[in-house]
Amino acid sequence: KNTVYLQMNSLKPEDTAVYYCAAIGAIATDQ
């Protein structure tokens, strides 16, 4: 579906923000 999701549970006031998704041409990710 060419889509990525972010399921957010137990939300807190400190989670308030503008959320962005971004892409980088890579296969693996790390912290």
Full PDB file with SEQRES, HELIX, SHEET, SSBOND, CRYST1, ORIGX, SCALE, CONECT and MASTER records, all heavy atoms in Angstrom:
SEQRES   1 A   31  LYS ASN THR VAL TYR LEU GLN MET ASN SER LEU LYS PRO          
SEQRES   2 A   31  GLU ASP THR ALA VAL TYR TYR CYS ALA ALA ILE GLY ALA          
SEQRES   3 A   31  ILE ALA THR ASP GLN                                          
HELIX    1 AA1 PRO A   13  ASP A   15  5                                   3    
CRYST1    1.000    1.000    1.000  90.00  90.00  90.00 P 1           1          
ORIGX1      1.000000  0.000000  0.000000        0.00000                         
ORIGX2      0.000000  1.000000  0.000000        0.00000                         
ORIGX3      0.000000  0.000000  1.000000        0.00000                         
SCALE1      1.000000  0.000000  0.000000        0.00000                         
SCALE2      0.000000  1.000000  0.000000        0.00000                         
SCALE3      0.000000  0.000000  1.000000        0.00000                         
ATOM      1  N   LYS A   1       0.819  -1.211   0.000  1.00  0.00           N  
ATOM      2  CA  LYS A   1       0.000   0.000   0.000  1.00  0.00           C  
ATOM      3  C   LYS A   1       0.853   1.260   0.000  1.00  0.00           C  
ATOM      4  O   LYS A   1       0.313   2.371   0.048  1.00  0.00           O  
ATOM      5  CB  LYS A   1      -0.941   0.007   1.208  1.00  0.00           C  
ATOM      6  CG  LYS A   1      -1.983  -1.093   1.183  1.00  0.00           C  
ATOM      7  CD  LYS A   1      -2.926  -0.983   2.368  1.00  0.00           C  
ATOM      8  CE  LYS A   1      -4.010  -2.051   2.306  1.00  0.00           C  
ATOM      9  NZ  LYS A   1      -4.942  -1.974   3.465  1.00  0.00           N  
ATOM     10  N   ASN A   2       2.184   1.062  -0.005  1.00  0.00           N  
ATOM     11  CA  ASN A   2       3.100   2.211  -0.006  1.00  0.00           C  
ATOM     12  C   ASN A   2       2.828   3.143   1.166  1.00  0.00           C  
ATOM     13  O   ASN A   2       2.879   4.375   1.027  1.00  0.00           O  
ATOM     14  CB  ASN A   2       2.987   2.989  -1.319  1.00  0.00           C  
ATOM     15  CG  ASN A   2       4.320   3.224  -1.979  1.00  0.00           C  
ATOM     16  OD1 ASN A   2       5.298   2.501  -1.725  1.00  0.00           O  
ATOM     17  ND2 ASN A   2       4.402   4.227  -2.823  1.00  0.00           N  
ATOM     18  N   THR A   3       2.589   2.562   2.319  1.00  0.00           N  
ATOM     19  CA  THR A   3       2.189   3.335   3.492  1.00  0.00           C  
ATOM     20  C   THR A   3       2.892   2.815   4.743  1.00  0.00           C  
ATOM     21  O   THR A   3       3.084   1.602   4.895  1.00  0.00           O  
ATOM     22  CB  THR A   3       0.666   3.265   3.689  1.00  0.00           C  
ATOM     23  OG1 THR A   3       0.009   3.756   2.510  1.00  0.00           O  
ATOM     24  CG2 THR A   3       0.220   4.119   4.877  1.00  0.00           C  
ATOM     25  N   VAL A   4       3.256   3.749   5.594  1.00  0.00           N  
ATOM     26  CA  VAL A   4       3.833   3.426   6.898  1.00  0.00           C  
ATOM     27  C   VAL A   4       2.896   3.997   7.959  1.00  0.00           C  
ATOM     28  O   VAL A   4       2.318   5.073   7.776  1.00  0.00           O  
ATOM     29  CB  VAL A   4       5.245   4.014   7.033  1.00  0.00           C  
ATOM     30  CG1 VAL A   4       5.787   3.816   8.448  1.00  0.00           C  
ATOM     31  CG2 VAL A   4       6.181   3.376   6.021  1.00  0.00           C  
ATOM     32  N   TYR A   5       2.779   3.273   9.060  1.00  0.00           N  
ATOM     33  CA  TYR A   5       1.861   3.657  10.120  1.00  0.00           C  
ATOM     34  C   TYR A   5       2.611   3.874  11.437  1.00  0.00           C  
ATOM     35  O   TYR A   5       3.667   3.289  11.670  1.00  0.00           O  
ATOM     36  CB  TYR A   5       0.802   2.569  10.322  1.00  0.00           C  
ATOM     37  CG  TYR A   5       0.061   2.205   9.072  1.00  0.00           C  
ATOM     38  CD1 TYR A   5       0.448   1.106   8.311  1.00  0.00           C  
ATOM     39  CD2 TYR A   5      -1.035   2.946   8.647  1.00  0.00           C  
ATOM     40  CE1 TYR A   5      -0.227   0.755   7.152  1.00  0.00           C  
ATOM     41  CE2 TYR A   5      -1.716   2.601   7.485  1.00  0.00           C  
ATOM     42  CZ  TYR A   5      -1.311   1.507   6.741  1.00  0.00           C  
ATOM     43  OH  TYR A   5      -1.994   1.173   5.603  1.00  0.00           O  
ATOM     44  N   LEU A   6       2.002   4.691  12.275  1.00  0.00           N  
ATOM     45  CA  LEU A   6       2.483   4.840  13.647  1.00  0.00           C  
ATOM     46  C   LEU A   6       1.274   4.752  14.558  1.00  0.00           C  
ATOM     47  O   LEU A   6       0.453   5.673  14.601  1.00  0.00           O  
ATOM     48  CB  LEU A   6       3.216   6.172  13.849  1.00  0.00           C  
ATOM     49  CG  LEU A   6       3.859   6.336  15.230  1.00  0.00           C  
ATOM     50  CD1 LEU A   6       5.030   5.360  15.401  1.00  0.00           C  
ATOM     51  CD2 LEU A   6       4.331   7.776  15.444  1.00  0.00           C  
ATOM     52  N   GLN A   7       1.149   3.627  15.240  1.00  0.00           N  
ATOM     53  CA  GLN A   7       0.080   3.438  16.214  1.00  0.00           C  
ATOM     54  C   GLN A   7       0.532   4.001  17.536  1.00  0.00           C  
ATOM     55  O   GLN A   7       1.561   3.574  18.073  1.00  0.00           O  
ATOM     56  CB  GLN A   7      -0.268   1.961  16.364  1.00  0.00           C  
ATOM     57  CG  GLN A   7      -1.349   1.683  17.400  1.00  0.00           C  
ATOM     58  CD  GLN A   7      -2.709   2.222  16.989  1.00  0.00           C  
ATOM     59  OE1 GLN A   7      -3.116   2.076  15.843  1.00  0.00           O  
ATOM     60  NE2 GLN A   7      -3.415   2.837  17.938  1.00  0.00           N  
ATOM     61  N   MET A   8      -0.205   4.948  18.056  1.00  0.00           N  
ATOM     62  CA  MET A   8       0.175   5.631  19.291  1.00  0.00           C  
ATOM     63  C   MET A   8      -0.889   5.355  20.349  1.00  0.00           C  
ATOM     64  O   MET A   8      -2.048   5.777  20.202  1.00  0.00           O  
ATOM     65  CB  MET A   8       0.315   7.137  19.045  1.00  0.00           C  
ATOM     66  CG  MET A   8       1.265   7.481  17.921  1.00  0.00           C  
ATOM     67  SD  MET A   8       1.571   9.254  17.766  1.00  0.00           S  
ATOM     68  CE  MET A   8      -0.065   9.834  17.364  1.00  0.00           C  
ATOM     69  N   ASN A   9      -0.506   4.651  21.392  1.00  0.00           N  
ATOM     70  CA  ASN A   9      -1.396   4.326  22.496  1.00  0.00           C  
ATOM     71  C   ASN A   9      -0.923   5.006  23.769  1.00  0.00           C  
ATOM     72  O   ASN A   9       0.217   5.461  23.857  1.00  0.00           O  
ATOM     73  CB  ASN A   9      -1.450   2.811  22.705  1.00  0.00           C  
ATOM     74  CG  ASN A   9      -1.988   2.062  21.505  1.00  0.00           C  
ATOM     75  OD1 ASN A   9      -2.837   2.562  20.756  1.00  0.00           O  
ATOM     76  ND2 ASN A   9      -1.495   0.850  21.299  1.00  0.00           N  
ATOM     77  N   SER A  10      -1.795   5.052  24.748  1.00  0.00           N  
ATOM     78  CA  SER A  10      -1.470   5.640  26.052  1.00  0.00           C  
ATOM     79  C   SER A  10      -0.824   7.013  25.881  1.00  0.00           C  
ATOM     80  O   SER A  10       0.204   7.314  26.490  1.00  0.00           O  
ATOM     81  CB  SER A  10      -0.535   4.704  26.833  1.00  0.00           C  
ATOM     82  OG  SER A  10      -1.110   3.439  27.011  1.00  0.00           O  
ATOM     83  N   LEU A  11      -1.439   7.821  25.075  1.00  0.00           N  
ATOM     84  CA  LEU A  11      -0.870   9.136  24.774  1.00  0.00           C  
ATOM     85  C   LEU A  11      -0.823  10.022  26.008  1.00  0.00           C  
ATOM     86  O   LEU A  11      -1.699   9.953  26.882  1.00  0.00           O  
ATOM     87  CB  LEU A  11      -1.665   9.808  23.662  1.00  0.00           C  
ATOM     88  CG  LEU A  11      -1.363   9.265  22.261  1.00  0.00           C  
ATOM     89  CD1 LEU A  11      -2.464   9.630  21.281  1.00  0.00           C  
ATOM     90  CD2 LEU A  11      -0.025   9.797  21.771  1.00  0.00           C  
ATOM     91  N   LYS A  12       0.215  10.833  26.058  1.00  0.00           N  
ATOM     92  CA  LYS A  12       0.445  11.745  27.167  1.00  0.00           C  
ATOM     93  C   LYS A  12       0.490  13.179  26.639  1.00  0.00           C  
ATOM     94  O   LYS A  12       0.805  13.389  25.457  1.00  0.00           O  
ATOM     95  CB  LYS A  12       1.781  11.424  27.841  1.00  0.00           C  
ATOM     96  CG  LYS A  12       1.931   9.991  28.312  1.00  0.00           C  
ATOM     97  CD  LYS A  12       3.338   9.745  28.850  1.00  0.00           C  
ATOM     98  CE  LYS A  12       3.506   8.310  29.316  1.00  0.00           C  
ATOM     99  NZ  LYS A  12       4.879   8.054  29.839  1.00  0.00           N  
ATOM    100  N   PRO A  13       0.230  14.148  27.488  1.00  0.00           N  
ATOM    101  CA  PRO A  13       0.315  15.550  27.032  1.00  0.00           C  
ATOM    102  C   PRO A  13       1.673  15.887  26.420  1.00  0.00           C  
ATOM    103  O   PRO A  13       1.746  16.693  25.481  1.00  0.00           O  
ATOM    104  CB  PRO A  13       0.059  16.345  28.315  1.00  0.00           C  
ATOM    105  CG  PRO A  13      -0.812  15.448  29.127  1.00  0.00           C  
ATOM    106  CD  PRO A  13      -0.316  14.057  28.854  1.00  0.00           C  
ATOM    107  N   GLU A  14       2.738  15.278  26.913  1.00  0.00           N  
ATOM    108  CA  GLU A  14       4.068  15.565  26.369  1.00  0.00           C  
ATOM    109  C   GLU A  14       4.277  14.979  24.978  1.00  0.00           C  
ATOM    110  O   GLU A  14       5.303  15.247  24.346  1.00  0.00           O  
ATOM    111  CB  GLU A  14       5.171  15.073  27.322  1.00  0.00           C  
ATOM    112  CG  GLU A  14       5.028  13.639  27.781  1.00  0.00           C  
ATOM    113  CD  GLU A  14       4.348  13.522  29.133  1.00  0.00           C  
ATOM    114  OE1 GLU A  14       3.330  14.216  29.370  1.00  0.00           O  
ATOM    115  OE2 GLU A  14       4.833  12.705  29.947  1.00  0.00           O  
ATOM    116  N   ASP A  15       3.321  14.201  24.478  1.00  0.00           N  
ATOM    117  CA  ASP A  15       3.387  13.724  23.096  1.00  0.00           C  
ATOM    118  C   ASP A  15       2.858  14.759  22.114  1.00  0.00           C  
ATOM    119  O   ASP A  15       2.951  14.564  20.899  1.00  0.00           O  
ATOM    120  CB  ASP A  15       2.581  12.435  22.933  1.00  0.00           C  
ATOM    121  CG  ASP A  15       3.154  11.272  23.712  1.00  0.00           C  
ATOM    122  OD1 ASP A  15       4.391  11.103  23.719  1.00  0.00           O  
ATOM    123  OD2 ASP A  15       2.354  10.515  24.319  1.00  0.00           O  
ATOM    124  N   THR A  16       2.309  15.840  22.617  1.00  0.00           N  
ATOM    125  CA  THR A  16       1.778  16.890  21.761  1.00  0.00           C  
ATOM    126  C   THR A  16       2.871  17.491  20.897  1.00  0.00           C  
ATOM    127  O   THR A  16       3.911  17.939  21.405  1.00  0.00           O  
ATOM    128  CB  THR A  16       1.120  17.994  22.604  1.00  0.00           C  
ATOM    129  OG1 THR A  16      -0.018  17.445  23.282  1.00  0.00           O  
ATOM    130  CG2 THR A  16       0.680  19.162  21.732  1.00  0.00           C  
ATOM    131  N   ALA A  17       2.663  17.485  19.589  1.00  0.00           N  
ATOM    132  CA  ALA A  17       3.667  17.973  18.644  1.00  0.00           C  
ATOM    133  C   ALA A  17       3.107  17.843  17.227  1.00  0.00           C  
ATOM    134  O   ALA A  17       2.057  17.230  17.019  1.00  0.00           O  
ATOM    135  CB  ALA A  17       4.956  17.159  18.753  1.00  0.00           C  
ATOM    136  N   VAL A  18       3.831  18.408  16.291  1.00  0.00           N  
ATOM    137  CA  VAL A  18       3.593  18.111  14.880  1.00  0.00           C  
ATOM    138  C   VAL A  18       4.438  16.886  14.538  1.00  0.00           C  
ATOM    139  O   VAL A  18       5.636  16.852  14.826  1.00  0.00           O  
ATOM    140  CB  VAL A  18       3.965  19.293  13.973  1.00  0.00           C  
ATOM    141  CG1 VAL A  18       3.754  18.917  12.506  1.00  0.00           C  
ATOM    142  CG2 VAL A  18       3.135  20.520  14.333  1.00  0.00           C  
ATOM    143  N   TYR A  19       3.792  15.898  13.961  1.00  0.00           N  
ATOM    144  CA  TYR A  19       4.465  14.653  13.610  1.00  0.00           C  
ATOM    145  C   TYR A  19       4.717  14.622  12.112  1.00  0.00           C  
ATOM    146  O   TYR A  19       3.820  14.898  11.307  1.00  0.00           O  
ATOM    147  CB  TYR A  19       3.612  13.460  14.037  1.00  0.00           C  
ATOM    148  CG  TYR A  19       3.672  13.187  15.518  1.00  0.00           C  
ATOM    149  CD1 TYR A  19       3.084  14.056  16.426  1.00  0.00           C  
ATOM    150  CD2 TYR A  19       4.351  12.081  16.019  1.00  0.00           C  
ATOM    151  CE1 TYR A  19       3.157  13.831  17.793  1.00  0.00           C  
ATOM    152  CE2 TYR A  19       4.428  11.836  17.387  1.00  0.00           C  
ATOM    153  CZ  TYR A  19       3.831  12.720  18.261  1.00  0.00           C  
ATOM    154  OH  TYR A  19       3.914  12.488  19.618  1.00  0.00           O  
ATOM    155  N   TYR A  20       5.941  14.269  11.757  1.00  0.00           N  
ATOM    156  CA  TYR A  20       6.364  14.198  10.374  1.00  0.00           C  
ATOM    157  C   TYR A  20       6.861  12.787  10.060  1.00  0.00           C  
ATOM    158  O   TYR A  20       7.483  12.146  10.904  1.00  0.00           O  
ATOM    159  CB  TYR A  20       7.520  15.157  10.105  1.00  0.00           C  
ATOM    160  CG  TYR A  20       7.244  16.607  10.391  1.00  0.00           C  
ATOM    161  CD1 TYR A  20       7.452  17.133  11.664  1.00  0.00           C  
ATOM    162  CD2 TYR A  20       6.806  17.457   9.387  1.00  0.00           C  
ATOM    163  CE1 TYR A  20       7.211  18.474  11.933  1.00  0.00           C  
ATOM    164  CE2 TYR A  20       6.568  18.804   9.643  1.00  0.00           C  
ATOM    165  CZ  TYR A  20       6.769  19.305  10.920  1.00  0.00           C  
ATOM    166  OH  TYR A  20       6.543  20.638  11.175  1.00  0.00           O  
ATOM    167  N   CYS A  21       6.637  12.352   8.831  1.00  0.00           N  
ATOM    168  CA  CYS A  21       7.333  11.162   8.360  1.00  0.00           C  
ATOM    169  C   CYS A  21       8.377  11.601   7.341  1.00  0.00           C  
ATOM    170  O   CYS A  21       8.237  12.649   6.687  1.00  0.00           O  
ATOM    171  CB  CYS A  21       6.384  10.125   7.775  1.00  0.00           C  
ATOM    172  SG  CYS A  21       5.499  10.611   6.284  1.00  0.00           S  
ATOM    173  N   ALA A  22       9.420  10.812   7.236  1.00  0.00           N  
ATOM    174  CA  ALA A  22      10.527  11.141   6.357  1.00  0.00           C  
ATOM    175  C   ALA A  22      11.147   9.861   5.822  1.00  0.00           C  
ATOM    176  O   ALA A  22      11.049   8.804   6.452  1.00  0.00           O  
ATOM    177  CB  ALA A  22      11.571  11.971   7.095  1.00  0.00           C  
ATOM    178  N   ALA A  23      11.783   9.989   4.671  1.00  0.00           N  
ATOM    179  CA  ALA A  23      12.375   8.824   4.015  1.00  0.00           C  
ATOM    180  C   ALA A  23      13.849   9.045   3.749  1.00  0.00           C  
ATOM    181  O   ALA A  23      14.300  10.166   3.475  1.00  0.00           O  
ATOM    182  CB  ALA A  23      11.653   8.564   2.687  1.00  0.00           C  
ATOM    183  N   ILE A  24      14.598   7.955   3.830  1.00  0.00           N  
ATOM    184  CA  ILE A  24      15.997   7.956   3.448  1.00  0.00           C  
ATOM    185  C   ILE A  24      16.260   6.678   2.663  1.00  0.00           C  
ATOM    186  O   ILE A  24      15.783   5.593   3.053  1.00  0.00           O  
ATOM    187  CB  ILE A  24      16.928   8.068   4.673  1.00  0.00           C  
ATOM    188  CG1 ILE A  24      18.388   8.090   4.233  1.00  0.00           C  
ATOM    189  CG2 ILE A  24      16.668   6.963   5.676  1.00  0.00           C  
ATOM    190  CD1 ILE A  24      19.367   8.395   5.365  1.00  0.00           C  
ATOM    191  N   GLY A  25      17.020   6.799   1.584  1.00  0.00           N  
ATOM    192  CA  GLY A  25      17.324   5.642   0.760  1.00  0.00           C  
ATOM    193  C   GLY A  25      18.301   4.719   1.456  1.00  0.00           C  
ATOM    194  O   GLY A  25      19.509   4.876   1.325  1.00  0.00           O  
ATOM    195  N   ALA A  26      17.778   3.816   2.214  1.00  0.00           N  
ATOM    196  CA  ALA A  26      18.585   2.866   2.968  1.00  0.00           C  
ATOM    197  C   ALA A  26      17.736   1.643   3.252  1.00  0.00           C  
ATOM    198  O   ALA A  26      16.503   1.693   3.178  1.00  0.00           O  
ATOM    199  CB  ALA A  26      19.083   3.487   4.275  1.00  0.00           C  
ATOM    200  N   ILE A  27      18.423   0.553   3.593  1.00  0.00           N  
ATOM    201  CA  ILE A  27      17.713  -0.692   3.877  1.00  0.00           C  
ATOM    202  C   ILE A  27      17.550  -0.907   5.374  1.00  0.00           C  
ATOM    203  O   ILE A  27      16.489  -1.270   5.867  1.00  0.00           O  
ATOM    204  CB  ILE A  27      18.460  -1.878   3.241  1.00  0.00           C  
ATOM    205  CG1 ILE A  27      18.433  -1.749   1.715  1.00  0.00           C  
ATOM    206  CG2 ILE A  27      17.835  -3.208   3.687  1.00  0.00           C  
ATOM    207  CD1 ILE A  27      19.262  -2.794   1.003  1.00  0.00           C  
ATOM    208  N   ALA A  28      18.654  -0.677   6.094  1.00  0.00           N  
ATOM    209  CA  ALA A  28      18.653  -0.934   7.533  1.00  0.00           C  
ATOM    210  C   ALA A  28      18.599   0.372   8.304  1.00  0.00           C  
ATOM    211  O   ALA A  28      19.025   1.421   7.827  1.00  0.00           O  
ATOM    212  CB  ALA A  28      19.898  -1.722   7.921  1.00  0.00           C  
ATOM    213  N   THR A  29      18.079   0.288   9.505  1.00  0.00           N  
ATOM    214  CA  THR A  29      18.026   1.444  10.388  1.00  0.00           C  
ATOM    215  C   THR A  29      18.645   1.079  11.729  1.00  0.00           C  
ATOM    216  O   THR A  29      18.746  -0.094  12.089  1.00  0.00           O  
ATOM    217  CB  THR A  29      16.575   1.912  10.592  1.00  0.00           C  
ATOM    218  OG1 THR A  29      16.567   3.058  11.455  1.00  0.00           O  
ATOM    219  CG2 THR A  29      15.714   0.825  11.241  1.00  0.00           C  
ATOM    220  N   ASP A  30      19.095   2.089  12.442  1.00  0.00           N  
ATOM    221  CA  ASP A  30      19.584   1.878  13.795  1.00  0.00           C  
ATOM    222  C   ASP A  30      19.210   3.085  14.634  1.00  0.00           C  
ATOM    223  O   ASP A  30      18.659   4.069  14.130  1.00  0.00           O  
ATOM    224  CB  ASP A  30      21.098   1.625  13.821  1.00  0.00           C  
ATOM    225  CG  ASP A  30      21.907   2.743  13.166  1.00  0.00           C  
ATOM    226  OD1 ASP A  30      21.480   3.917  13.219  1.00  0.00           O  
ATOM    227  OD2 ASP A  30      22.963   2.444  12.605  1.00  0.00           O  
ATOM    228  N   GLN A  31      19.511   3.006  15.917  1.00  0.00           N  
ATOM    229  CA  GLN A  31      19.071   4.056  16.834  1.00  0.00           C  
ATOM    230  C   GLN A  31      19.692   5.400  16.477  1.00  0.00           C  
ATOM    231  O   GLN A  31      19.034   6.443  16.573  1.00  0.00           O  
ATOM    232  CB  GLN A  31      19.429   3.656  18.274  1.00  0.00           C  
ATOM    233  CG  GLN A  31      18.555   4.277  19.333  1.00  0.00           C  
ATOM    234  CD  GLN A  31      17.137   3.745  19.340  1.00  0.00           C  
ATOM    235  OE1 GLN A  31      16.863   2.624  18.910  1.00  0.00           O  
ATOM    236  NE2 GLN A  31      16.197   4.535  19.821  1.00  0.00           N  
TER     237      GLN A  31                                                      
MASTER        0    0    0    1    0    0    0    6  236    1    0    3          
END                                                                             
